[in-house]
Amino acid sequence: MKNKKFNKKNLFNNNSFVMVFSVIVAVILWLVVAVEFSPEVTVTVRQVPVSIDYTSISKSLGLEPFGETQFTVDVTVKGKKITVESDEIIDDIKVTASTNYVNSVGNYNLHLTAESSSVTPDYEIVSLSDENVDVFFDYPKTKEFVVVPEIDHEGALVPDGYITSDIVFPETNVVKATGPESEINRIVNIVAYVSVENQLKQNTTLEATLLADTSDGQGLKFVTFDKQNDTIHMKVPVYKTVELPVAVDFINKPSDYVENIPFKVTVLPEKAVFGVPESKLDNMKSFEVASIDFTKLNNSNNVFTFSADEITGGIIADGTKEFTVKVELSDMGKKTFEIPSEIGIVNGSEGTDASVSELSFTEITVVGPKEYIEALTVDKIVLNADLVNVKAGSTGEFTVPVTYADSSSWLFGDYSAKIIIK
């Protein structure tokens, strides 16, 4: 059978083909007419980005921009309506700021130029909404400052009978300021400023604003701090003043002395004016200025001196600089012994395999009631290496205190042992 030859005339006799062909031709003709005979219009393209070459300035001169660094301008263009009103035109327009004259620190008025990215643009750039943009250039600098608290309050911050001590910054009292070198160099202090209306009677945490105190009194434009915002918290300790007898506490007491200390204890001065948080004053009969360890007590007149700066739980409000404590143990005895043949181990976690490898001492001194000490023999002395401060599950070599297990006598001095935990 012979193949039928393709016949163009027959194709145009096909109604379906003729209909499709007609539509295509009509669309092409419409596009040609729309482009060729489209009217010329003038439109404004909004918010065209400005390109500024900061990188080359930074590499060649070390200068960085500060303040506003990203800009947009409106560009007025003229051309065929179908072109200038298209969404793609904003991507074709290139606006550039000239940095040719940037060569040192200062504010520069950078001239703007606009052009088409196309080789043969079919529109004309008529004007820009701004012919220039202002950019400040300087060398970047970071410097640390210790924050200075400043509380603005009319009259006294606390009522009569109350005092404050040094303000505390719970987070940090050091702030890094970053910005242009010319501004950083003008900073004298970074101030934590807050205004308080009412007087304070208890410890109060305030939210203060970080402000720069400058050498010329002028504000800063471009400096930022290494915080999420320009605020910082500061705690104002507030105490109520009260005169109280002065006392001391004793630690590491043998069990016979837990309820009662039979020694004569003298503290000078006997009384002092303290600043104490008001909430602690209920039933407060005295103020403990120190804790004395029994291992520091010899069978004699023991004298200790404590600085007023070392007390906790309050502050000195009358100018007292130190306290002298005298503990009289003249009715006690003291005796030196050889080291017991066996040193025990206490306060180890379950399953701990520990052994004593070395002792820091060759003899021990025991203090206690005279008759008790005279009758005491080395075989009655129980010493233990105390693992209370060794983390459970630890292995290796550790230095730990050696304790004495007795109800009425105690070791005088410091004793330690090296232990090995496997």
Protein backbone atom coordinates (compact mmCIF):
# COMPACT_ATOMS: atom_id res chain seq x y z
CA MET A 1 0.00 0.00 0.00
CA LYS A 2 1.32 3.45 -0.91
CA ASN A 3 1.87 6.11 1.79
CA LYS A 4 -0.17 9.26 1.42
CA LYS A 5 1.88 12.36 0.64
CA PHE A 6 1.71 15.34 3.06
CA ASN A 7 -0.27 18.12 1.48
CA LYS A 8 -0.16 21.66 2.95
CA LYS A 9 -3.39 22.55 1.19
CA ASN A 10 -5.16 19.67 2.88
CA LEU A 11 -3.84 20.90 6.29
CA PHE A 12 -5.57 24.25 5.88
CA ASN A 13 -8.74 22.43 4.94
CA ASN A 14 -8.73 21.06 8.52
CA ASN A 15 -10.98 23.31 10.61
CA SER A 16 -9.33 22.44 13.97
CA PHE A 17 -5.86 23.28 12.68
CA VAL A 18 -7.05 26.52 11.15
CA MET A 19 -8.61 27.58 14.47
CA VAL A 20 -5.45 26.90 16.53
CA PHE A 21 -3.25 28.53 13.90
CA SER A 22 -5.41 31.63 13.88
CA VAL A 23 -5.21 32.02 17.66
CA ILE A 24 -1.40 31.73 17.64
CA VAL A 25 -1.04 34.28 14.87
CA ALA A 26 -3.39 36.65 16.68
CA VAL A 27 -1.38 36.43 19.91
CA ILE A 28 1.88 37.06 18.06
CA LEU A 29 0.42 40.03 16.25
CA TRP A 30 -0.95 41.41 19.54
CA LEU A 31 2.44 41.12 21.23
CA VAL A 32 4.18 42.83 18.30
CA VAL A 33 1.67 45.66 18.31
CA ALA A 34 1.79 45.95 22.14
CA VAL A 35 5.56 46.25 22.15
CA GLU A 36 6.04 48.38 19.06
CA PHE A 37 3.11 50.67 19.56
CA SER A 38 3.05 50.69 23.41
CA PRO A 39 2.84 54.28 24.61
CA GLU A 40 5.81 55.83 26.43
CA VAL A 41 5.13 56.59 30.10
CA THR A 42 7.10 57.91 33.07
CA VAL A 43 6.90 55.87 36.28
CA THR A 44 8.69 55.78 39.65
CA VAL A 45 10.24 52.51 40.74
CA ARG A 46 10.12 52.43 44.54
CA GLN A 47 12.84 51.35 47.01
CA VAL A 48 15.63 50.34 44.68
CA PRO A 49 18.61 49.08 46.80
CA VAL A 50 21.80 51.16 46.82
CA SER A 51 25.05 49.23 46.34
CA ILE A 52 28.01 50.47 48.43
CA ASP A 53 31.40 48.74 48.34
CA TYR A 54 32.25 48.66 52.05
CA THR A 55 34.50 45.60 51.70
CA SER A 56 37.20 47.27 49.64
CA ILE A 57 37.34 50.25 52.05
CA SER A 58 37.71 47.90 55.01
CA LYS A 59 40.49 45.91 53.32
CA SER A 60 42.47 48.90 52.07
CA LEU A 61 41.96 51.43 54.88
CA GLY A 62 40.59 49.48 57.85
CA LEU A 63 37.58 51.80 58.00
CA GLU A 64 34.08 50.52 58.76
CA PRO A 65 30.68 52.21 58.30
CA PHE A 66 28.66 53.09 61.40
CA GLY A 67 25.03 54.07 61.77
CA GLU A 68 22.79 53.58 58.77
CA THR A 69 24.57 51.50 56.16
CA GLN A 70 21.77 50.13 53.94
CA PHE A 71 19.82 52.52 51.71
CA THR A 72 17.11 52.50 49.06
CA VAL A 73 16.02 55.23 46.64
CA ASP A 74 13.10 55.80 44.29
CA VAL A 75 14.10 55.86 40.62
CA THR A 76 12.03 57.65 37.96
CA VAL A 77 12.24 55.99 34.54
CA LYS A 78 10.75 56.67 31.10
CA GLY A 79 10.00 54.12 28.45
CA LYS A 80 7.39 51.91 26.89
CA LYS A 81 4.64 51.12 29.34
CA ILE A 82 4.97 47.37 28.97
CA THR A 83 8.64 47.61 30.03
CA VAL A 84 8.71 50.23 32.79
CA GLU A 85 5.61 48.89 34.53
CA SER A 86 6.89 45.31 34.67
CA ASP A 87 7.89 43.75 38.01
CA GLU A 88 11.33 42.86 36.64
CA ILE A 89 12.54 46.42 36.14
CA ILE A 90 13.58 46.88 39.79
CA ASP A 91 16.11 44.05 39.33
CA ASP A 92 17.48 45.66 36.17
CA ILE A 93 18.20 49.06 37.73
CA LYS A 94 21.57 49.30 39.48
CA VAL A 95 22.11 52.22 41.89
CA THR A 96 25.69 52.68 43.13
CA ALA A 97 27.18 55.02 45.75
CA SER A 98 30.64 56.33 44.92
CA THR A 99 33.28 55.78 47.64
CA ASN A 100 36.20 57.25 45.65
CA TYR A 101 36.78 60.07 48.12
CA VAL A 102 36.61 58.01 51.33
CA ASN A 103 40.16 58.11 52.74
CA SER A 104 39.92 58.84 56.49
CA VAL A 105 37.61 59.05 59.50
CA GLY A 106 34.54 61.19 58.97
CA ASN A 107 31.08 61.62 57.56
CA TYR A 108 30.88 61.31 53.77
CA ASN A 109 28.16 62.46 51.36
CA LEU A 110 28.32 59.65 48.79
CA HIS A 111 27.05 60.51 45.30
CA LEU A 112 24.57 58.10 43.71
CA THR A 113 24.43 57.00 40.09
CA ALA A 114 21.91 54.74 38.41
CA GLU A 115 22.12 52.65 35.28
CA SER A 116 20.53 49.68 33.64
CA SER A 117 22.11 46.28 33.94
CA SER A 118 21.09 45.55 30.34
CA VAL A 119 23.54 46.16 27.50
CA THR A 120 20.87 47.87 25.40
CA PRO A 121 18.20 49.13 27.81
CA ASP A 122 14.86 50.08 26.30
CA TYR A 123 14.08 52.70 28.95
CA GLU A 124 15.65 55.92 30.19
CA ILE A 125 16.55 56.76 33.81
CA VAL A 126 15.18 60.23 34.45
CA SER A 127 16.02 60.97 38.11
CA LEU A 128 16.64 59.64 41.65
CA SER A 129 14.73 60.62 44.77
CA ASP A 130 18.10 61.22 46.49
CA GLU A 131 21.30 62.21 44.78
CA ASN A 132 23.48 61.41 47.82
CA VAL A 133 23.54 59.32 51.03
CA ASP A 134 25.44 60.11 54.23
CA VAL A 135 27.70 57.42 55.72
CA PHE A 136 30.03 57.77 58.72
CA PHE A 137 33.36 55.89 58.54
CA ASP A 138 35.75 55.19 61.41
CA TYR A 139 38.05 52.52 62.81
CA PRO A 140 36.16 49.91 64.86
CA LYS A 141 37.12 49.62 68.54
CA THR A 142 35.99 47.62 71.58
CA LYS A 143 36.84 48.56 75.16
CA GLU A 144 35.84 47.18 78.56
CA PHE A 145 34.47 49.42 81.31
CA VAL A 146 33.67 48.76 84.97
CA VAL A 147 30.07 49.90 85.46
CA VAL A 148 29.58 52.77 87.90
CA PRO A 149 26.21 52.71 89.74
CA GLU A 150 24.23 55.95 89.88
CA ILE A 151 20.93 56.12 91.79
CA ASP A 152 18.87 59.26 91.41
CA HIS A 153 16.77 59.82 94.54
CA GLU A 154 15.48 62.93 96.23
CA GLY A 155 16.87 62.98 99.76
CA ALA A 156 18.23 59.92 101.58
CA LEU A 157 17.89 56.59 99.80
CA VAL A 158 17.11 54.78 103.10
CA PRO A 159 15.24 55.99 106.23
CA ASP A 160 16.94 56.84 109.51
CA GLY A 161 18.13 53.70 111.24
CA TYR A 162 19.00 51.97 107.97
CA ILE A 163 22.23 51.83 105.97
CA THR A 164 23.40 50.45 102.64
CA SER A 165 26.61 48.80 101.54
CA ASP A 166 28.35 48.42 98.20
CA ILE A 167 26.00 47.84 95.27
CA VAL A 168 26.25 44.38 93.74
CA PHE A 169 25.83 43.51 90.05
CA PRO A 170 24.49 39.92 90.01
CA GLU A 171 25.24 39.38 86.30
CA THR A 172 28.43 41.37 85.71
CA ASN A 173 29.88 44.77 86.49
CA VAL A 174 32.02 44.83 83.35
CA VAL A 175 30.56 45.93 80.02
CA LYS A 176 32.16 45.92 76.58
CA ALA A 177 31.43 48.97 74.46
CA THR A 178 31.83 48.61 70.70
CA GLY A 179 31.71 51.36 68.11
CA PRO A 180 33.78 53.91 66.19
CA GLU A 181 37.15 54.68 67.75
CA SER A 182 36.45 58.40 67.95
CA GLU A 183 33.38 57.77 70.12
CA ILE A 184 34.88 55.01 72.28
CA ASN A 185 37.83 57.29 73.12
CA ARG A 186 35.41 59.93 74.45
CA ILE A 187 33.89 57.55 77.04
CA VAL A 188 35.01 58.26 80.62
CA ASN A 189 32.65 55.88 82.44
CA ILE A 190 29.75 53.58 81.74
CA VAL A 191 27.04 54.44 84.26
CA ALA A 192 24.19 52.22 85.45
CA TYR A 193 21.53 54.88 86.00
CA VAL A 194 18.20 54.42 87.74
CA SER A 195 15.72 56.76 89.38
CA VAL A 196 14.10 55.62 92.64
CA GLU A 197 11.03 57.35 94.08
CA ASN A 198 10.52 55.65 97.47
CA GLN A 199 13.03 55.00 100.24
CA LEU A 200 14.36 51.44 100.54
CA LYS A 201 14.02 49.31 103.69
CA GLN A 202 15.16 45.94 102.34
CA ASN A 203 17.49 44.47 99.74
CA THR A 204 16.25 45.69 96.38
CA THR A 205 17.19 44.73 92.83
CA LEU A 206 16.89 47.61 90.38
CA GLU A 207 16.89 47.62 86.58
CA ALA A 208 19.25 50.37 85.52
CA THR A 209 19.96 51.89 82.12
CA LEU A 210 23.49 51.85 80.76
CA LEU A 211 24.65 55.34 79.84
CA ALA A 212 28.00 56.64 78.67
CA ASP A 213 29.63 59.50 80.56
CA THR A 214 31.74 61.31 77.94
CA SER A 215 34.67 63.71 78.24
CA ASP A 216 32.85 66.46 76.33
CA GLY A 217 29.38 65.85 77.72
CA GLN A 218 28.05 65.00 74.27
CA GLY A 219 26.02 61.90 73.53
CA LEU A 220 27.12 58.93 71.46
CA LYS A 221 25.46 57.86 68.21
CA PHE A 222 26.93 54.54 67.25
CA VAL A 223 28.20 52.78 70.43
CA THR A 224 26.60 49.48 71.45
CA PHE A 225 27.11 47.28 74.52
CA ASP A 226 27.69 43.53 74.69
CA LYS A 227 24.20 42.94 76.08
CA GLN A 228 20.85 42.18 74.51
CA ASN A 229 19.64 45.61 75.60
CA ASP A 230 20.94 48.73 77.32
CA THR A 231 19.81 47.70 80.81
CA ILE A 232 21.58 46.00 83.69
CA HIS A 233 20.42 44.72 87.08
CA MET A 234 22.01 45.90 90.30
CA LYS A 235 21.26 44.87 93.88
CA VAL A 236 21.20 47.46 96.66
CA PRO A 237 21.91 45.78 100.05
CA VAL A 238 19.86 47.47 102.78
CA TYR A 239 20.38 46.88 106.53
CA LYS A 240 18.70 48.00 109.72
CA THR A 241 21.18 49.22 112.32
CA VAL A 242 21.07 47.64 115.78
CA GLU A 243 23.47 47.32 118.72
CA LEU A 244 24.05 43.69 119.68
CA PRO A 245 26.38 41.69 121.93
CA VAL A 246 29.26 40.14 119.98
CA ALA A 247 29.56 36.34 119.96
CA VAL A 248 31.49 33.55 118.24
CA ASP A 249 30.54 30.06 117.14
CA PHE A 250 32.57 26.84 117.43
CA ILE A 251 32.77 24.13 114.76
CA ASN A 252 34.00 20.52 114.67
CA LYS A 253 32.98 20.17 118.31
CA PRO A 254 33.25 16.83 120.14
CA SER A 255 29.80 15.63 121.10
CA ASP A 256 30.19 16.62 124.78
CA TYR A 257 30.48 20.29 123.72
CA VAL A 258 27.66 20.46 121.20
CA GLU A 259 25.11 21.78 123.71
CA ASN A 260 27.47 23.68 125.98
CA ILE A 261 30.88 25.32 125.70
CA PRO A 262 32.35 25.22 129.25
CA PHE A 263 35.27 27.52 128.45
CA LYS A 264 35.52 31.18 129.29
CA VAL A 265 35.10 33.08 126.02
CA THR A 266 35.78 36.83 125.93
CA VAL A 267 35.10 39.00 122.88
CA LEU A 268 36.29 42.59 122.58
CA PRO A 269 34.52 44.82 121.92
CA GLU A 270 31.67 43.17 123.77
CA LYS A 271 29.07 45.06 121.77
CA ALA A 272 28.95 46.70 118.35
CA VAL A 273 26.47 48.37 116.05
CA PHE A 274 25.68 46.09 113.14
CA GLY A 275 23.72 46.50 109.94
CA VAL A 276 21.48 43.44 109.64
CA PRO A 277 18.74 42.58 107.13
CA GLU A 278 15.52 43.48 108.91
CA SER A 279 14.04 40.04 108.24
CA LYS A 280 16.81 38.42 110.36
CA LEU A 281 16.33 40.56 113.46
CA ASP A 282 13.46 38.59 114.99
CA ASN A 283 14.77 36.81 118.13
CA MET A 284 18.35 37.80 117.31
CA LYS A 285 20.09 38.09 120.69
CA SER A 286 23.71 38.48 119.51
CA PHE A 287 25.79 38.71 116.36
CA GLU A 288 28.33 35.95 115.59
CA VAL A 289 31.42 37.53 114.06
CA ALA A 290 33.39 34.30 113.46
CA SER A 291 33.53 30.52 113.74
CA ILE A 292 36.42 28.98 115.68
CA ASP A 293 37.50 25.45 114.80
CA PHE A 294 38.15 23.19 117.80
CA THR A 295 41.34 21.99 116.08
CA LYS A 296 42.75 25.50 116.71
CA LEU A 297 42.21 25.29 120.50
CA ASN A 298 45.23 24.47 122.66
CA ASN A 299 45.17 23.90 126.42
CA SER A 300 46.03 27.51 127.15
CA ASN A 301 44.71 31.00 126.58
CA ASN A 302 43.88 31.01 122.89
CA VAL A 303 43.65 34.46 121.26
CA PHE A 304 42.13 35.05 117.82
CA THR A 305 41.72 38.27 115.85
CA PHE A 306 39.04 38.66 113.18
CA SER A 307 38.75 41.54 110.73
CA ALA A 308 35.39 43.29 110.58
CA ASP A 309 35.57 42.91 106.79
CA GLU A 310 35.35 39.12 107.17
CA ILE A 311 32.00 38.93 108.94
CA THR A 312 28.98 37.55 107.10
CA GLY A 313 25.26 38.05 107.55
CA GLY A 314 25.57 41.80 108.04
CA ILE A 315 28.03 44.68 108.20
CA ILE A 316 29.71 46.81 110.85
CA ALA A 317 27.94 50.14 111.26
CA ASP A 318 30.02 51.83 113.97
CA GLY A 319 33.51 51.78 112.46
CA THR A 320 34.85 48.80 114.43
CA LYS A 321 37.83 47.39 112.50
CA GLU A 322 38.43 44.06 114.24
CA PHE A 323 37.33 41.74 117.03
CA THR A 324 39.60 39.97 119.50
CA VAL A 325 38.45 36.65 120.94
CA LYS A 326 40.08 34.99 123.96
CA VAL A 327 39.25 31.34 124.74
CA GLU A 328 40.66 30.17 128.11
CA LEU A 329 41.35 26.43 128.42
CA SER A 330 43.77 26.47 131.38
CA ASP A 331 41.86 23.65 133.06
CA MET A 332 42.43 21.35 130.05
CA GLY A 333 45.27 18.93 129.42
CA LYS A 334 47.35 18.17 126.34
CA LYS A 335 49.31 15.09 125.35
CA THR A 336 51.31 14.01 122.30
CA PHE A 337 50.98 10.45 120.98
CA GLU A 338 52.53 8.27 118.34
CA ILE A 339 50.38 7.52 115.32
CA PRO A 340 47.91 4.67 115.96
CA SER A 341 48.75 1.47 114.14
CA GLU A 342 45.61 1.66 112.04
CA ILE A 343 43.92 4.59 110.25
CA GLY A 344 40.28 4.03 109.34
CA ILE A 345 38.39 5.42 106.33
CA VAL A 346 34.96 7.02 106.68
CA ASN A 347 32.30 8.63 104.48
CA GLY A 348 33.25 6.69 101.37
CA SER A 349 30.46 5.74 98.97
CA GLU A 350 29.26 2.15 98.98
CA GLY A 351 31.77 -0.21 97.39
CA THR A 352 34.69 2.26 97.56
CA ASP A 353 38.07 0.50 97.55
CA ALA A 354 40.35 2.98 99.35
CA SER A 355 43.60 2.72 101.25
CA VAL A 356 45.90 5.18 103.04
CA SER A 357 49.21 5.63 101.21
CA GLU A 358 50.86 8.49 103.13
CA LEU A 359 50.35 10.67 106.23
CA SER A 360 51.29 14.35 106.63
CA PHE A 361 52.28 13.84 110.29
CA THR A 362 54.39 11.58 112.50
CA GLU A 363 52.63 12.24 115.80
CA ILE A 364 49.38 13.73 117.07
CA THR A 365 48.42 16.13 119.87
CA VAL A 366 45.21 15.55 121.80
CA VAL A 367 43.55 18.17 124.04
CA GLY A 368 40.81 17.48 126.60
CA PRO A 369 39.97 17.35 130.31
CA LYS A 370 43.18 16.80 132.31
CA GLU A 371 42.17 13.58 134.03
CA TYR A 372 40.81 12.17 130.76
CA ILE A 373 44.01 13.03 128.87
CA GLU A 374 46.25 11.55 131.59
CA ALA A 375 44.39 8.23 131.32
CA LEU A 376 44.25 8.22 127.51
CA THR A 377 46.46 5.70 125.70
CA VAL A 378 47.25 5.41 121.99
CA ASP A 379 45.30 2.18 121.62
CA LYS A 380 42.12 4.10 122.52
CA ILE A 381 42.65 6.73 119.83
CA VAL A 382 40.65 6.27 116.63
CA LEU A 383 41.78 8.25 113.56
CA ASN A 384 39.95 8.25 110.25
CA ALA A 385 40.71 9.53 106.76
CA ASP A 386 37.52 11.38 105.88
CA LEU A 387 36.31 11.03 102.25
CA VAL A 388 33.37 13.40 102.71
CA ASN A 389 34.70 15.80 100.06
CA VAL A 390 35.65 13.11 97.50
CA LYS A 391 33.11 12.78 94.69
CA ALA A 392 31.39 9.40 94.62
CA GLY A 393 32.81 7.10 91.97
CA SER A 394 36.17 8.90 91.80
CA THR A 395 39.39 6.96 91.42
CA GLY A 396 43.02 7.98 91.88
CA GLU A 397 45.03 9.67 94.63
CA PHE A 398 43.44 12.27 96.94
CA THR A 399 44.51 14.30 99.96
CA VAL A 400 41.84 14.24 102.68
CA PRO A 401 41.59 15.44 106.30
CA VAL A 402 42.23 13.06 109.17
CA THR A 403 39.63 13.25 111.94
CA TYR A 404 39.59 12.05 115.53
CA ALA A 405 36.60 10.15 116.86
CA ASP A 406 36.07 11.03 120.53
CA SER A 407 33.31 12.63 122.58
CA SER A 408 35.31 14.77 125.02
CA SER A 409 38.78 15.42 123.51
CA TRP A 410 40.01 16.69 120.15
CA LEU A 411 43.05 16.90 117.91
CA PHE A 412 45.05 20.11 118.10
CA GLY A 413 46.42 21.03 114.65
CA ASP A 414 45.80 20.05 111.06
CA TYR A 415 46.26 16.47 109.91
CA SER A 416 45.81 14.98 106.45
CA ALA A 417 46.41 11.75 104.56
CA LYS A 418 46.92 10.72 100.97
CA ILE A 419 44.59 7.95 99.95
CA ILE A 420 44.35 5.82 96.84
CA ILE A 421 40.92 4.87 95.49
CA LYS A 422 40.77 2.03 92.96
